[in-house]
Amino acid sequence: MTSEIMGHAIAALIASGIVGISKALLSPAPLTFRAVIGRFIEHSGWGAGAFTALLYDSDLPPLGIAALAVLLASMGQSGLGMMLRVWRGAK
């Protein structure tokens, strides 16, 4: 079971990083190696954090947790902040 979870965690990291690269490609800012690698690292970090948080207290299978982690990583800081504001009822 542990190797299955590790495999899904690595897949979530890579998929989250690819989402970050795709966002860098879609942005109007000029592409540099530093920007692309930075986006990969940033989104991989979001994916790792989301995977860990969901794995800690969830009844979902590891593949479902990995999919949710990639979704949360694609939302990034602004999307999660917006969700928290809506949840708290703030504008």
Protein backbone atom coordinates (compact mmCIF):
# COMPACT_ATOMS: atom_id res chain seq x y z
CA MET A 1 0.00 0.00 0.00
CA THR A 2 2.84 2.39 0.79
CA SER A 3 4.43 2.00 -2.64
CA GLU A 4 1.05 2.69 -4.24
CA ILE A 5 0.69 5.90 -2.24
CA MET A 6 4.24 6.95 -3.12
CA GLY A 7 3.56 6.33 -6.80
CA HIS A 8 0.43 8.47 -6.70
CA ALA A 9 2.27 11.18 -4.75
CA ILE A 10 5.02 11.33 -7.39
CA ALA A 11 2.40 11.39 -10.14
CA ALA A 12 0.61 14.27 -8.38
CA LEU A 13 3.89 16.19 -8.12
CA ILE A 14 4.70 15.74 -11.79
CA ALA A 15 1.15 16.52 -12.95
CA SER A 16 1.03 19.62 -10.73
CA GLY A 17 4.35 20.76 -12.17
CA ILE A 18 3.07 20.27 -15.71
CA VAL A 19 0.04 22.40 -14.86
CA GLY A 20 2.45 25.11 -13.70
CA ILE A 21 4.40 24.93 -16.95
CA SER A 22 1.20 25.16 -18.98
CA LYS A 23 0.17 28.26 -17.03
CA ALA A 24 3.58 29.78 -17.76
CA LEU A 25 3.09 29.06 -21.47
CA LEU A 26 -0.33 30.72 -21.43
CA SER A 27 0.78 33.87 -19.62
CA PRO A 28 1.62 36.99 -21.62
CA ALA A 29 4.92 37.39 -19.74
CA PRO A 30 8.08 36.53 -21.65
CA LEU A 31 9.19 32.94 -21.19
CA THR A 32 12.49 32.36 -19.50
CA PHE A 33 14.02 29.17 -18.17
CA ARG A 34 13.79 30.62 -14.67
CA ALA A 35 10.07 31.40 -15.00
CA VAL A 36 9.20 27.95 -16.32
CA ILE A 37 11.20 26.12 -13.63
CA GLY A 38 9.77 28.46 -10.98
CA ARG A 39 6.21 27.67 -12.05
CA PHE A 40 7.00 23.94 -12.03
CA ILE A 41 8.43 24.13 -8.51
CA GLU A 42 5.62 26.35 -7.21
CA HIS A 43 2.82 24.17 -8.50
CA SER A 44 4.59 20.98 -7.44
CA GLY A 45 4.76 22.43 -3.93
CA TRP A 46 1.05 23.20 -3.97
CA GLY A 47 0.35 19.67 -5.17
CA ALA A 48 2.56 18.12 -2.49
CA GLY A 49 0.90 20.14 0.24
CA ALA A 50 -2.58 19.32 -0.97
CA PHE A 51 -1.72 15.62 -1.35
CA THR A 52 -0.34 15.48 2.18
CA ALA A 53 -3.28 17.32 3.70
CA LEU A 54 -5.82 15.15 1.90
CA LEU A 55 -3.94 11.95 2.70
CA TYR A 56 -3.80 12.80 6.40
CA ASP A 57 -7.56 12.75 6.96
CA SER A 58 -9.42 11.31 4.00
CA ASP A 59 -11.24 8.14 3.11
CA LEU A 60 -10.61 8.66 -0.61
CA PRO A 61 -8.42 6.23 -2.54
CA PRO A 62 -4.88 7.45 -3.29
CA LEU A 63 -5.68 8.10 -6.96
CA GLY A 64 -8.61 10.34 -5.97
CA ILE A 65 -6.38 12.19 -3.54
CA ALA A 66 -3.78 12.71 -6.28
CA ALA A 67 -6.44 14.07 -8.64
CA LEU A 68 -7.72 16.51 -6.02
CA ALA A 69 -4.15 17.57 -5.24
CA VAL A 70 -3.54 18.44 -8.89
CA LEU A 71 -6.83 20.36 -8.99
CA LEU A 72 -5.91 22.36 -5.90
CA ALA A 73 -2.43 23.01 -7.30
CA SER A 74 -3.93 24.37 -10.51
CA MET A 75 -6.02 26.78 -8.46
CA GLY A 76 -2.93 28.08 -6.71
CA GLN A 77 -2.85 30.69 -3.99
CA SER A 78 -5.40 33.05 -5.54
CA GLY A 79 -7.96 30.30 -6.08
CA LEU A 80 -7.59 28.90 -2.58
CA GLY A 81 -7.81 32.40 -1.13
CA MET A 82 -11.02 33.00 -3.08
CA MET A 83 -12.46 29.72 -1.79
CA LEU A 84 -11.64 30.73 1.80
CA ARG A 85 -13.24 34.15 1.36
CA VAL A 86 -16.41 32.54 0.00
CA TRP A 87 -16.39 29.95 2.80
CA ARG A 88 -15.99 32.65 5.47
CA GLY A 89 -18.60 34.84 3.84
CA ALA A 90 -16.19 37.75 3.25
CA LYS A 91 -16.12 39.81 0.07
